[in-house]
């Protein structure tokens, strides 16, 4: 199935929110992520999904919303998929706890401004 940009943004929003909820509801800390490989596997799947949707969004949509770091989001996915063994988990923790909340606000603002409605 081919998704529209709007659908991709919504999938990114839902996945990001679920990931943040999972971390919060389970009391998962940065330290937990640094020491638990099964936990790292768990958190990478949503990051893959968000990154893949970011990669697939049209260039026109990305240009209209240049405040969102689309290439970095997609790049993280590519890095996790193709170079998982060399992942810097401290950096992933920064992304999870410091970057994702801001990213979620950015894509929620797209929704609030009408970009998240429709197909």
N, C-alpha and C. Protein backbone atom coordinates (compact mmCIF):
# COMPACT_ATOMS: atom_id res chain seq x y z
N UNK A 1 0.84 -1.19 0.00
CA UNK A 1 0.00 0.00 0.00
C UNK A 1 0.88 1.25 0.00
N UNK A 2 0.52 2.18 -0.79
CA UNK A 2 1.24 3.45 -0.86
C UNK A 2 0.51 4.44 0.04
N UNK A 3 1.23 5.00 1.00
CA UNK A 3 0.64 5.96 1.93
C UNK A 3 0.87 7.38 1.43
N UNK A 4 -0.08 8.25 1.74
CA UNK A 4 0.09 9.67 1.45
C UNK A 4 1.03 10.26 2.50
N UNK A 5 1.52 11.45 2.24
CA UNK A 5 2.36 12.14 3.21
C UNK A 5 1.63 12.32 4.53
N UNK A 6 0.37 12.67 4.43
CA UNK A 6 -0.45 12.89 5.63
C UNK A 6 -0.57 11.60 6.44
N UNK A 7 -0.81 10.50 5.75
CA UNK A 7 -0.90 9.21 6.44
C UNK A 7 0.43 8.85 7.10
N UNK A 8 1.52 9.13 6.42
CA UNK A 8 2.84 8.83 6.98
C UNK A 8 3.10 9.67 8.23
N UNK A 9 2.75 10.94 8.18
CA UNK A 9 2.93 11.80 9.34
C UNK A 9 2.10 11.26 10.52
N UNK A 10 0.88 10.84 10.24
CA UNK A 10 0.04 10.29 11.30
C UNK A 10 0.64 9.01 11.87
N UNK A 11 1.16 8.15 11.03
CA UNK A 11 1.79 6.93 11.51
C UNK A 11 3.03 7.27 12.35
N UNK A 12 3.78 8.26 11.94
CA UNK A 12 4.93 8.70 12.72
C UNK A 12 4.49 9.24 14.08
N UNK A 13 3.42 10.01 14.08
CA UNK A 13 2.91 10.59 15.33
C UNK A 13 2.49 9.49 16.29
N UNK A 14 1.70 8.56 15.79
CA UNK A 14 1.19 7.47 16.64
C UNK A 14 2.35 6.61 17.17
N UNK A 15 3.27 6.26 16.31
CA UNK A 15 4.39 5.41 16.72
C UNK A 15 5.27 6.12 17.73
N UNK A 16 5.55 7.40 17.51
CA UNK A 16 6.36 8.17 18.45
C UNK A 16 5.67 8.27 19.80
N UNK A 17 4.39 8.54 19.79
CA UNK A 17 3.65 8.64 21.05
C UNK A 17 3.65 7.31 21.79
N UNK A 18 3.44 6.22 21.07
CA UNK A 18 3.45 4.90 21.71
C UNK A 18 4.82 4.59 22.31
N UNK A 19 5.88 4.94 21.60
CA UNK A 19 7.23 4.69 22.12
C UNK A 19 7.46 5.51 23.39
N UNK A 20 7.10 6.78 23.35
CA UNK A 20 7.29 7.63 24.53
C UNK A 20 6.44 7.13 25.69
N UNK A 21 5.21 6.71 25.42
CA UNK A 21 4.35 6.15 26.47
C UNK A 21 4.96 4.89 27.06
N UNK A 22 5.49 4.03 26.20
CA UNK A 22 6.11 2.79 26.67
C UNK A 22 7.26 3.09 27.63
N UNK A 23 8.12 4.01 27.25
CA UNK A 23 9.24 4.37 28.12
C UNK A 23 8.74 4.90 29.46
N UNK A 24 7.77 5.80 29.40
CA UNK A 24 7.25 6.43 30.61
C UNK A 24 6.50 5.44 31.50
N UNK A 25 5.58 4.70 30.91
CA UNK A 25 4.74 3.79 31.68
C UNK A 25 5.53 2.67 32.35
N UNK A 26 6.67 2.32 31.76
CA UNK A 26 7.49 1.24 32.31
C UNK A 26 8.68 1.76 33.11
N UNK A 27 8.74 3.08 33.27
CA UNK A 27 9.82 3.67 34.07
C UNK A 27 11.20 3.38 33.51
N UNK A 28 11.30 3.29 32.20
CA UNK A 28 12.57 2.95 31.56
C UNK A 28 13.48 4.18 31.54
N UNK A 29 14.66 4.00 32.04
CA UNK A 29 15.64 5.08 32.13
C UNK A 29 16.71 4.93 31.05
N UNK A 30 17.50 5.97 30.90
CA UNK A 30 18.64 5.91 29.98
C UNK A 30 19.55 4.75 30.36
N UNK A 31 19.77 4.59 31.66
CA UNK A 31 20.65 3.54 32.15
C UNK A 31 20.12 2.16 31.78
N UNK A 32 18.80 1.99 31.85
CA UNK A 32 18.20 0.71 31.47
C UNK A 32 18.53 0.38 30.01
N UNK A 33 18.43 1.37 29.16
CA UNK A 33 18.68 1.17 27.74
C UNK A 33 20.14 0.81 27.50
N UNK A 34 21.03 1.44 28.24
CA UNK A 34 22.46 1.20 28.05
C UNK A 34 22.87 -0.23 28.42
N UNK A 35 22.12 -0.87 29.32
CA UNK A 35 22.54 -2.20 29.80
C UNK A 35 21.67 -3.35 29.31
N UNK A 36 20.52 -3.09 28.70
CA UNK A 36 19.60 -4.16 28.34
C UNK A 36 19.46 -4.31 26.83
N UNK A 37 20.06 -5.35 26.30
CA UNK A 37 19.96 -5.57 24.86
C UNK A 37 18.52 -5.86 24.41
N UNK A 38 17.76 -6.69 25.14
CA UNK A 38 16.35 -6.89 24.71
C UNK A 38 15.56 -5.58 24.69
N UNK A 39 15.84 -4.69 25.62
CA UNK A 39 15.17 -3.40 25.62
C UNK A 39 15.59 -2.58 24.41
N UNK A 40 16.85 -2.63 24.05
CA UNK A 40 17.32 -1.90 22.85
C UNK A 40 16.63 -2.44 21.61
N UNK A 41 16.44 -3.75 21.53
CA UNK A 41 15.73 -4.32 20.39
C UNK A 41 14.30 -3.80 20.35
N UNK A 42 13.69 -3.70 21.51
CA UNK A 42 12.31 -3.23 21.60
C UNK A 42 12.17 -1.79 21.12
N UNK A 43 13.08 -0.93 21.49
CA UNK A 43 12.94 0.48 21.13
C UNK A 43 13.37 0.77 19.70
N UNK A 44 14.18 -0.10 19.11
CA UNK A 44 14.63 0.20 17.75
C UNK A 44 13.54 -0.01 16.71
N UNK A 45 12.63 -0.94 16.93
CA UNK A 45 11.58 -1.17 15.93
C UNK A 45 10.74 0.08 15.68
N UNK A 46 10.25 0.77 16.71
CA UNK A 46 9.51 2.01 16.42
C UNK A 46 10.40 3.06 15.74
N UNK A 47 11.66 3.13 16.12
CA UNK A 47 12.56 4.10 15.47
C UNK A 47 12.74 3.76 14.00
N UNK A 48 12.84 2.46 13.66
CA UNK A 48 12.90 2.05 12.26
C UNK A 48 11.66 2.54 11.51
N UNK A 49 10.50 2.30 12.11
CA UNK A 49 9.24 2.63 11.44
C UNK A 49 9.11 4.14 11.20
N UNK A 50 9.43 4.92 12.21
CA UNK A 50 9.36 6.38 12.06
C UNK A 50 10.34 6.83 10.96
N UNK A 51 11.54 6.28 10.99
CA UNK A 51 12.54 6.65 9.99
C UNK A 51 12.16 6.27 8.58
N UNK A 52 11.55 5.12 8.43
CA UNK A 52 11.12 4.69 7.09
C UNK A 52 10.02 5.61 6.56
N UNK A 53 9.08 5.97 7.40
CA UNK A 53 8.03 6.90 6.96
C UNK A 53 8.63 8.26 6.61
N UNK A 54 9.57 8.72 7.40
CA UNK A 54 10.22 10.01 7.10
C UNK A 54 10.94 9.95 5.76
N UNK A 55 11.59 8.84 5.49
CA UNK A 55 12.31 8.67 4.23
C UNK A 55 11.36 8.70 3.04
N UNK A 56 10.17 8.15 3.20
CA UNK A 56 9.21 8.01 2.10
C UNK A 56 8.36 9.25 1.85
N UNK A 57 8.38 10.21 2.77
CA UNK A 57 7.60 11.43 2.56
C UNK A 57 8.13 12.18 1.34
N UNK A 58 7.24 12.79 0.59
CA UNK A 58 7.63 13.47 -0.65
C UNK A 58 8.56 14.64 -0.38
N UNK A 59 9.39 14.93 -1.36
CA UNK A 59 10.31 16.06 -1.25
C UNK A 59 9.56 17.37 -1.08
N UNK A 60 8.41 17.49 -1.73
CA UNK A 60 7.62 18.72 -1.63
C UNK A 60 7.13 18.94 -0.19
N UNK A 61 6.65 17.88 0.44
CA UNK A 61 6.17 17.98 1.82
C UNK A 61 7.33 18.33 2.74
N UNK A 62 8.46 17.67 2.53
CA UNK A 62 9.65 17.94 3.36
C UNK A 62 10.07 19.40 3.21
N UNK A 63 10.01 19.92 1.98
CA UNK A 63 10.41 21.31 1.74
C UNK A 63 9.45 22.28 2.44
N UNK A 64 8.16 21.98 2.45
CA UNK A 64 7.18 22.84 3.12
C UNK A 64 7.37 22.84 4.63
N UNK A 65 7.97 21.78 5.14
CA UNK A 65 8.14 21.62 6.60
C UNK A 65 9.61 21.37 6.92
N UNK A 66 10.43 22.30 6.46
CA UNK A 66 11.87 22.18 6.64
C UNK A 66 12.34 22.28 8.08
N UNK A 67 11.45 22.68 8.98
CA UNK A 67 11.81 22.76 10.39
C UNK A 67 11.96 21.38 11.02
N UNK A 68 11.46 20.37 10.34
CA UNK A 68 11.58 18.99 10.83
C UNK A 68 12.79 18.35 10.15
N UNK A 69 13.67 17.74 10.91
CA UNK A 69 14.91 17.18 10.34
C UNK A 69 14.69 15.82 9.67
N UNK A 70 13.95 15.83 8.57
CA UNK A 70 13.56 14.58 7.89
C UNK A 70 14.76 13.70 7.58
N UNK A 71 15.83 14.28 7.04
CA UNK A 71 16.97 13.46 6.64
C UNK A 71 17.66 12.83 7.85
N UNK A 72 17.68 13.52 8.98
CA UNK A 72 18.27 12.94 10.19
C UNK A 72 17.43 11.79 10.71
N UNK A 73 16.12 11.94 10.63
CA UNK A 73 15.20 10.89 11.09
C UNK A 73 15.37 9.64 10.22
N UNK A 74 15.38 9.85 8.92
CA UNK A 74 15.58 8.73 7.99
C UNK A 74 16.98 8.15 8.15
N UNK A 75 17.95 9.01 8.36
CA UNK A 75 19.33 8.56 8.53
C UNK A 75 19.50 7.69 9.76
N UNK A 76 18.79 8.02 10.83
CA UNK A 76 18.85 7.19 12.03
C UNK A 76 18.34 5.79 11.72
N UNK A 77 17.26 5.71 11.00
CA UNK A 77 16.72 4.40 10.62
C UNK A 77 17.75 3.61 9.82
N UNK A 78 18.35 4.25 8.83
CA UNK A 78 19.34 3.56 8.00
C UNK A 78 20.53 3.11 8.83
N UNK A 79 20.94 3.97 9.74
CA UNK A 79 22.09 3.63 10.60
C UNK A 79 21.76 2.45 11.50
N UNK A 80 20.58 2.45 12.10
CA UNK A 80 20.19 1.34 12.98
C UNK A 80 20.07 0.03 12.20
N UNK A 81 19.51 0.10 11.01
CA UNK A 81 19.31 -1.11 10.22
C UNK A 81 20.63 -1.64 9.67
N UNK A 82 21.47 -0.77 9.16
CA UNK A 82 22.65 -1.21 8.43
C UNK A 82 23.93 -1.24 9.26
N UNK A 83 23.93 -0.62 10.43
CA UNK A 83 25.14 -0.59 11.25
C UNK A 83 24.78 -0.75 12.73
N UNK A 84 23.83 -1.62 13.03
CA UNK A 84 23.31 -1.80 14.38
C UNK A 84 24.42 -2.10 15.38
N UNK A 85 25.38 -2.92 14.98
CA UNK A 85 26.45 -3.33 15.89
C UNK A 85 27.28 -2.15 16.40
N UNK A 86 27.30 -1.07 15.67
CA UNK A 86 28.09 0.11 16.07
C UNK A 86 27.22 1.25 16.58
N UNK A 87 26.01 0.93 17.01
CA UNK A 87 25.10 1.95 17.50
C UNK A 87 25.65 2.59 18.77
N UNK A 88 25.58 3.90 18.81
CA UNK A 88 25.96 4.66 20.01
C UNK A 88 24.69 4.79 20.85
N UNK A 89 24.56 3.95 21.86
CA UNK A 89 23.33 3.91 22.65
C UNK A 89 23.15 5.14 23.52
N UNK A 90 24.23 5.80 23.86
CA UNK A 90 24.11 7.08 24.59
C UNK A 90 23.42 8.11 23.70
N UNK A 91 23.77 8.12 22.43
CA UNK A 91 23.12 9.03 21.49
C UNK A 91 21.64 8.65 21.29
N UNK A 92 21.35 7.37 21.23
CA UNK A 92 19.95 6.94 21.11
C UNK A 92 19.17 7.42 22.32
N UNK A 93 19.77 7.37 23.50
CA UNK A 93 19.09 7.87 24.71
C UNK A 93 18.79 9.36 24.59
N UNK A 94 19.73 10.13 24.05
CA UNK A 94 19.49 11.56 23.84
C UNK A 94 18.31 11.73 22.89
N UNK A 95 18.28 10.95 21.83
CA UNK A 95 17.18 11.04 20.87
C UNK A 95 15.85 10.70 21.55
N UNK A 96 15.83 9.62 22.31
CA UNK A 96 14.59 9.17 22.95
C UNK A 96 14.05 10.17 23.97
N UNK A 97 14.94 10.70 24.79
CA UNK A 97 14.48 11.52 25.92
C UNK A 97 14.52 13.03 25.66
N UNK A 98 15.34 13.45 24.72
CA UNK A 98 15.48 14.89 24.48
C UNK A 98 14.92 15.33 23.13
N UNK A 99 15.09 14.51 22.11
CA UNK A 99 14.69 14.88 20.76
C UNK A 99 13.25 14.47 20.44
N UNK A 100 12.87 13.26 20.80
CA UNK A 100 11.52 12.79 20.45
C UNK A 100 10.39 13.66 20.97
N UNK A 101 10.46 14.17 22.20
CA UNK A 101 9.35 15.04 22.64
C UNK A 101 9.17 16.26 21.74
N UNK A 102 10.27 16.86 21.32
CA UNK A 102 10.19 18.02 20.42
C UNK A 102 9.65 17.60 19.05
N UNK A 103 10.14 16.47 18.55
CA UNK A 103 9.67 15.96 17.27
C UNK A 103 8.16 15.70 17.32
N UNK A 104 7.70 15.10 18.40
CA UNK A 104 6.27 14.83 18.54
C UNK A 104 5.47 16.13 18.50
N UNK A 105 5.95 17.16 19.17
CA UNK A 105 5.26 18.45 19.14
C UNK A 105 5.23 19.00 17.71
N UNK A 106 6.33 18.84 16.98
CA UNK A 106 6.38 19.34 15.60
C UNK A 106 5.35 18.64 14.71
N UNK A 107 5.28 17.32 14.81
CA UNK A 107 4.33 16.64 13.92
C UNK A 107 2.89 16.81 14.40
N UNK A 108 2.70 17.00 15.71
CA UNK A 108 1.36 17.32 16.19
C UNK A 108 0.93 18.69 15.68
N UNK A 109 1.87 19.62 15.57
CA UNK A 109 1.52 20.95 15.05
C UNK A 109 1.12 20.87 13.58
N UNK A 110 1.69 19.93 12.82
CA UNK A 110 1.26 19.72 11.44
C UNK A 110 -0.21 19.30 11.42
N UNK A 111 -0.54 18.42 12.32
CA UNK A 111 -1.93 17.95 12.45
C UNK A 111 -2.84 19.11 12.82
N UNK A 112 -2.42 19.90 13.81
CA UNK A 112 -3.22 21.02 14.29
C UNK A 112 -3.41 22.08 13.21
N UNK A 113 -2.44 22.18 12.29
CA UNK A 113 -2.52 23.18 11.22
C UNK A 113 -3.17 22.66 9.96
N UNK A 114 -3.79 21.49 10.05
CA UNK A 114 -4.49 20.95 8.90
C UNK A 114 -3.69 20.03 8.02
N UNK A 115 -2.39 19.88 8.27
CA UNK A 115 -1.57 19.00 7.45
C UNK A 115 -1.79 17.54 7.81
N UNK A 116 -2.37 17.29 8.97
CA UNK A 116 -2.55 15.90 9.39
C UNK A 116 -3.93 15.37 9.12
N UNK A 117 -4.71 16.09 8.37
CA UNK A 117 -6.07 15.65 8.06
C UNK A 117 -6.13 15.18 6.61
N UNK A 118 -7.01 14.28 6.36
CA UNK A 118 -7.21 13.84 4.98
C UNK A 118 -6.37 12.63 4.65
N UNK A 119 -6.31 12.31 3.35
CA UNK A 119 -5.59 11.12 2.91
C UNK A 119 -4.50 11.46 1.95
